[in-house]
N, C-alpha and C. Protein backbone atom coordinates (compact mmCIF):
# COMPACT_ATOMS: atom_id res chain seq x y z
N MET A 1 -68.96 -64.60 -8.11
CA MET A 1 -67.96 -63.60 -7.77
C MET A 1 -67.75 -63.06 -6.40
N GLU A 2 -66.21 -63.14 -6.14
CA GLU A 2 -65.98 -62.70 -4.73
C GLU A 2 -66.02 -61.37 -4.55
N ASP A 3 -66.18 -61.07 -3.05
CA ASP A 3 -66.57 -59.64 -2.57
C ASP A 3 -65.36 -58.87 -2.92
N ASN A 4 -64.08 -59.24 -2.79
CA ASN A 4 -63.10 -58.25 -3.29
C ASN A 4 -62.87 -58.08 -4.68
N GLN A 5 -63.69 -58.50 -5.64
CA GLN A 5 -63.47 -58.49 -7.07
C GLN A 5 -64.10 -57.33 -7.36
N ILE A 6 -63.89 -56.57 -8.42
CA ILE A 6 -64.57 -55.43 -9.09
C ILE A 6 -65.35 -55.99 -10.44
N THR A 7 -66.40 -55.23 -10.46
CA THR A 7 -66.85 -55.46 -12.06
C THR A 7 -66.07 -55.08 -13.13
N LYS A 8 -66.42 -55.33 -14.44
CA LYS A 8 -65.58 -54.76 -15.50
C LYS A 8 -66.04 -53.16 -15.62
N ALA A 9 -67.11 -53.02 -15.47
CA ALA A 9 -67.51 -51.53 -15.34
C ALA A 9 -66.83 -50.84 -14.24
N GLU A 10 -66.43 -51.07 -13.09
CA GLU A 10 -65.80 -50.50 -12.38
C GLU A 10 -64.24 -50.58 -12.80
N CYS A 11 -63.70 -51.48 -13.22
CA CYS A 11 -62.43 -51.40 -13.57
C CYS A 11 -62.22 -50.83 -14.72
N LYS A 12 -63.14 -50.71 -15.52
CA LYS A 12 -62.84 -49.63 -16.69
C LYS A 12 -62.94 -48.17 -16.15
N SER A 13 -63.81 -47.72 -15.25
CA SER A 13 -64.03 -46.30 -15.00
C SER A 13 -62.55 -46.34 -14.00
N GLN A 14 -62.01 -46.89 -13.03
CA GLN A 14 -61.02 -46.83 -12.62
C GLN A 14 -59.75 -46.39 -13.50
N LEU A 15 -59.71 -47.10 -14.63
CA LEU A 15 -58.55 -47.04 -15.62
C LEU A 15 -58.83 -45.89 -16.32
N GLU A 16 -60.19 -45.31 -16.88
CA GLU A 16 -60.10 -44.07 -17.07
C GLU A 16 -59.67 -43.04 -16.59
N GLU A 17 -59.84 -43.23 -14.97
CA GLU A 17 -59.51 -42.02 -14.24
C GLU A 17 -58.27 -42.03 -14.11
N LEU A 18 -57.24 -43.34 -14.35
CA LEU A 18 -55.77 -43.15 -14.17
C LEU A 18 -55.48 -42.56 -15.98
N GLY A 19 -56.14 -42.74 -16.75
CA GLY A 19 -55.85 -41.76 -18.24
C GLY A 19 -55.80 -42.72 -19.07
N VAL A 20 -56.41 -43.88 -18.87
CA VAL A 20 -56.38 -44.91 -20.18
C VAL A 20 -57.56 -44.38 -21.00
N ILE A 21 -57.18 -44.66 -22.22
CA ILE A 21 -58.36 -44.17 -23.33
C ILE A 21 -58.77 -45.45 -24.05
N TYR A 22 -60.00 -45.51 -24.16
CA TYR A 22 -60.76 -46.35 -25.45
C TYR A 22 -61.60 -45.95 -26.21
N LYS A 23 -61.08 -45.71 -27.35
CA LYS A 23 -61.95 -44.82 -28.38
C LYS A 23 -61.29 -44.98 -29.94
N LYS A 24 -62.04 -44.70 -31.00
CA LYS A 24 -61.63 -44.68 -32.22
C LYS A 24 -60.33 -43.46 -32.10
N GLN A 25 -59.15 -43.60 -32.66
CA GLN A 25 -58.29 -42.79 -32.72
C GLN A 25 -58.02 -42.15 -33.83
N GLY A 26 -57.58 -41.01 -34.14
CA GLY A 26 -56.95 -40.44 -35.11
C GLY A 26 -55.65 -41.13 -35.68
N LEU A 27 -55.15 -40.47 -36.96
CA LEU A 27 -53.88 -40.63 -37.25
C LEU A 27 -52.91 -40.34 -36.59
N ALA A 28 -51.62 -41.38 -36.15
CA ALA A 28 -50.64 -40.93 -35.45
C ALA A 28 -49.32 -41.89 -35.97
N ILE A 29 -48.10 -41.22 -36.04
CA ILE A 29 -46.85 -42.11 -35.92
C ILE A 29 -46.97 -43.18 -34.73
N THR A 30 -46.71 -44.40 -35.23
CA THR A 30 -46.71 -45.68 -34.35
C THR A 30 -45.37 -46.40 -34.93
N LYS A 31 -45.10 -47.21 -33.82
CA LYS A 31 -43.84 -48.07 -33.88
C LYS A 31 -44.54 -49.32 -33.36
N HIS A 32 -44.28 -50.23 -34.43
CA HIS A 32 -45.02 -51.86 -34.11
C HIS A 32 -44.11 -52.39 -32.88
N ILE A 33 -44.80 -52.85 -32.16
CA ILE A 33 -44.33 -53.69 -30.88
C ILE A 33 -44.01 -54.95 -31.35
N CYS A 34 -45.52 -55.60 -31.51
CA CYS A 34 -45.63 -57.12 -31.63
C CYS A 34 -47.17 -57.61 -32.03
N ASN A 35 -47.47 -58.81 -32.66
CA ASN A 35 -48.75 -59.11 -33.00
C ASN A 35 -48.77 -60.36 -32.14
N ALA A 36 -50.17 -60.63 -31.58
CA ALA A 36 -50.02 -61.87 -30.72
C ALA A 36 -51.45 -62.32 -30.90
N THR A 37 -51.76 -63.65 -30.44
CA THR A 37 -53.08 -64.12 -30.53
C THR A 37 -53.57 -64.12 -28.86
N THR A 38 -54.41 -63.83 -28.24
CA THR A 38 -54.76 -64.42 -26.97
C THR A 38 -56.39 -64.86 -26.61
N GLU A 39 -56.58 -65.36 -25.81
CA GLU A 39 -57.64 -66.02 -25.38
C GLU A 39 -58.54 -65.14 -24.15
N ILE A 40 -59.42 -64.96 -24.39
CA ILE A 40 -60.25 -64.21 -23.10
C ILE A 40 -61.63 -64.60 -23.46
N GLN A 41 -61.97 -65.25 -22.13
CA GLN A 41 -63.07 -65.98 -21.71
C GLN A 41 -63.78 -67.00 -23.05
N GLY A 42 -62.81 -67.58 -23.29
CA GLY A 42 -63.07 -68.62 -24.40
C GLY A 42 -63.06 -68.33 -25.96
N LYS A 43 -62.89 -67.19 -26.16
CA LYS A 43 -62.69 -66.63 -27.15
C LYS A 43 -61.38 -66.18 -27.66
N THR A 44 -60.92 -66.53 -29.32
CA THR A 44 -59.66 -66.09 -29.28
C THR A 44 -59.65 -64.66 -30.46
N TYR A 45 -58.37 -63.87 -30.12
CA TYR A 45 -58.46 -62.49 -30.38
C TYR A 45 -57.10 -62.19 -31.16
N GLN A 46 -56.93 -61.72 -32.30
CA GLN A 46 -55.62 -61.25 -32.81
C GLN A 46 -55.35 -59.71 -32.32
N VAL A 47 -54.30 -59.56 -31.52
CA VAL A 47 -54.04 -58.43 -31.19
C VAL A 47 -52.81 -57.61 -31.76
N ASN A 48 -52.74 -56.36 -31.79
CA ASN A 48 -51.67 -55.54 -32.38
C ASN A 48 -51.11 -54.83 -31.35
N VAL A 49 -49.99 -54.61 -30.86
CA VAL A 49 -49.53 -53.60 -29.79
C VAL A 49 -48.57 -52.67 -30.40
N SER A 50 -48.50 -51.43 -30.22
CA SER A 50 -47.69 -50.60 -30.76
C SER A 50 -47.36 -49.10 -29.96
N GLU A 51 -46.36 -48.43 -30.30
CA GLU A 51 -46.10 -47.15 -29.28
C GLU A 51 -46.61 -46.20 -30.29
N ARG A 52 -47.73 -45.29 -29.72
CA ARG A 52 -48.19 -44.17 -30.35
C ARG A 52 -47.07 -43.15 -29.71
N ILE A 53 -46.15 -42.77 -30.90
CA ILE A 53 -44.97 -42.10 -30.62
C ILE A 53 -45.29 -41.01 -29.72
N GLY A 54 -44.51 -40.77 -28.70
CA GLY A 54 -44.79 -39.52 -27.78
C GLY A 54 -46.23 -39.41 -26.79
N TYR A 55 -46.62 -40.54 -27.19
CA TYR A 55 -48.12 -40.58 -26.24
C TYR A 55 -48.38 -41.64 -25.20
N GLY A 56 -47.84 -42.91 -25.91
CA GLY A 56 -48.01 -44.13 -25.21
C GLY A 56 -48.41 -45.44 -25.99
N VAL A 57 -48.79 -46.44 -25.25
CA VAL A 57 -48.89 -47.59 -26.04
C VAL A 57 -50.51 -48.10 -26.52
N GLN A 58 -50.31 -48.54 -27.52
CA GLN A 58 -51.86 -48.60 -27.72
C GLN A 58 -52.15 -50.02 -28.22
N ILE A 59 -53.36 -50.77 -27.79
CA ILE A 59 -53.68 -52.11 -28.28
C ILE A 59 -54.77 -51.99 -29.01
N LYS A 60 -54.80 -52.97 -30.58
CA LYS A 60 -55.91 -53.06 -31.24
C LYS A 60 -56.04 -54.29 -31.67
N VAL A 61 -57.23 -54.64 -31.69
CA VAL A 61 -57.97 -56.05 -31.86
C VAL A 61 -58.54 -55.78 -33.51
N GLU A 62 -58.16 -57.24 -33.93
CA GLU A 62 -58.55 -56.99 -35.71
C GLU A 62 -60.13 -56.87 -35.55
N GLY A 63 -60.76 -56.33 -36.32
CA GLY A 63 -62.32 -56.06 -36.15
C GLY A 63 -62.93 -55.00 -35.68
N ASN A 64 -62.19 -54.52 -35.07
CA ASN A 64 -62.57 -53.36 -33.56
C ASN A 64 -62.20 -52.38 -34.33
N PRO A 65 -62.97 -51.14 -34.63
CA PRO A 65 -62.18 -49.64 -34.84
C PRO A 65 -61.90 -49.08 -33.64
N LYS A 66 -61.95 -49.52 -32.62
CA LYS A 66 -61.56 -48.46 -31.56
C LYS A 66 -60.18 -49.10 -30.99
N THR A 67 -59.52 -48.30 -29.90
CA THR A 67 -58.35 -48.72 -29.84
C THR A 67 -58.20 -48.27 -28.20
N CYS A 68 -57.27 -49.31 -27.58
CA CYS A 68 -57.02 -48.81 -26.37
C CYS A 68 -55.62 -48.22 -26.05
N VAL A 69 -55.58 -47.10 -25.34
CA VAL A 69 -54.45 -46.39 -25.25
C VAL A 69 -54.07 -46.25 -23.85
N ILE A 70 -52.77 -46.81 -23.15
CA ILE A 70 -52.53 -46.63 -22.23
C ILE A 70 -51.27 -45.29 -22.32
N THR A 71 -51.76 -44.33 -21.88
CA THR A 71 -50.91 -43.00 -22.09
C THR A 71 -49.54 -43.26 -21.29
N TYR A 72 -48.56 -42.70 -21.46
CA TYR A 72 -47.27 -42.40 -20.45
C TYR A 72 -47.78 -42.01 -19.05
N GLY A 73 -48.63 -40.99 -19.31
CA GLY A 73 -49.13 -40.41 -17.79
C GLY A 73 -49.92 -41.83 -17.14
N ALA A 74 -50.92 -42.45 -17.64
CA ALA A 74 -51.36 -43.49 -17.37
C ALA A 74 -50.69 -44.53 -16.40
N MET A 75 -49.01 -44.91 -17.28
CA MET A 75 -48.25 -45.79 -16.72
C MET A 75 -47.99 -45.46 -15.57
N LEU A 76 -47.51 -43.91 -15.44
CA LEU A 76 -46.98 -43.29 -14.23
C LEU A 76 -48.04 -43.56 -13.11
N ASN A 77 -49.40 -43.01 -13.30
CA ASN A 77 -50.46 -43.31 -12.41
C ASN A 77 -50.44 -44.87 -11.76
N MET A 78 -50.41 -45.60 -13.00
CA MET A 78 -50.63 -46.78 -12.30
C MET A 78 -49.43 -47.37 -11.35
N ALA A 79 -48.01 -47.06 -12.02
CA ALA A 79 -46.76 -47.28 -11.12
C ALA A 79 -47.05 -46.65 -9.71
N GLU A 80 -47.81 -45.33 -9.36
CA GLU A 80 -47.78 -44.74 -8.79
C GLU A 80 -48.57 -45.58 -7.32
N ALA A 81 -49.73 -45.87 -8.07
CA ALA A 81 -50.83 -46.65 -7.42
C ALA A 81 -50.31 -47.86 -7.04
N MET A 82 -49.28 -48.42 -7.52
CA MET A 82 -48.53 -49.83 -7.08
C MET A 82 -47.54 -49.40 -6.04
N GLY A 83 -47.35 -48.03 -5.77
CA GLY A 83 -46.42 -48.06 -4.55
C GLY A 83 -44.69 -47.58 -5.22
N ILE A 84 -44.56 -47.45 -6.39
CA ILE A 84 -43.34 -47.28 -7.11
C ILE A 84 -42.57 -46.16 -6.29
N PHE A 85 -43.64 -44.93 -5.90
CA PHE A 85 -43.15 -43.77 -5.66
C PHE A 85 -43.29 -43.58 -3.88
N ASP A 86 -43.38 -44.98 -3.38
CA ASP A 86 -43.62 -44.61 -1.82
C ASP A 86 -42.15 -44.27 -1.02
N GLU A 87 -42.24 -43.56 -0.50
CA GLU A 87 -40.79 -43.18 0.35
C GLU A 87 -40.25 -44.37 1.14
N GLU A 88 -41.39 -44.98 1.51
CA GLU A 88 -40.80 -46.74 2.49
C GLU A 88 -40.20 -47.58 1.41
N GLN A 89 -40.79 -47.48 0.22
CA GLN A 89 -40.32 -48.51 -0.56
C GLN A 89 -38.82 -47.99 -0.94
N GLU A 90 -38.68 -46.72 -1.30
CA GLU A 90 -37.45 -46.17 -1.61
C GLU A 90 -36.31 -46.67 -0.40
N ASN A 91 -36.73 -46.45 0.83
CA ASN A 91 -35.69 -46.63 2.14
C ASN A 91 -35.51 -48.33 2.49
N ASN A 92 -36.58 -49.15 1.91
CA ASN A 92 -36.14 -50.50 1.92
C ASN A 92 -35.31 -50.78 0.64
N ASN A 93 -35.11 -50.10 -0.29
CA ASN A 93 -34.34 -50.46 -1.74
C ASN A 93 -33.07 -49.76 -1.69
N GLY A 94 -33.05 -48.55 -1.05
CA GLY A 94 -31.84 -47.73 -0.73
C GLY A 94 -30.74 -48.22 -0.23
């Protein structure tokens, strides 16, 4: 692994700090976005992506009772971390 790469555990910890949730979720009203097939580290997974109305976007994998939820707040935190709210960026685009 390169020196600048972080471990999966470090990445998970940082995402949790931003507001991403990974746990078994209760009932909610959802709006289907898409079904997809993806390959991660040589394994194929069936993925369901939907919006948890008023809360964020959830990703479910067939056979896993837990759900990854990227809350709207987490999305804003990620956008902020990428620099979307930096004044310098606004001045360059203004």
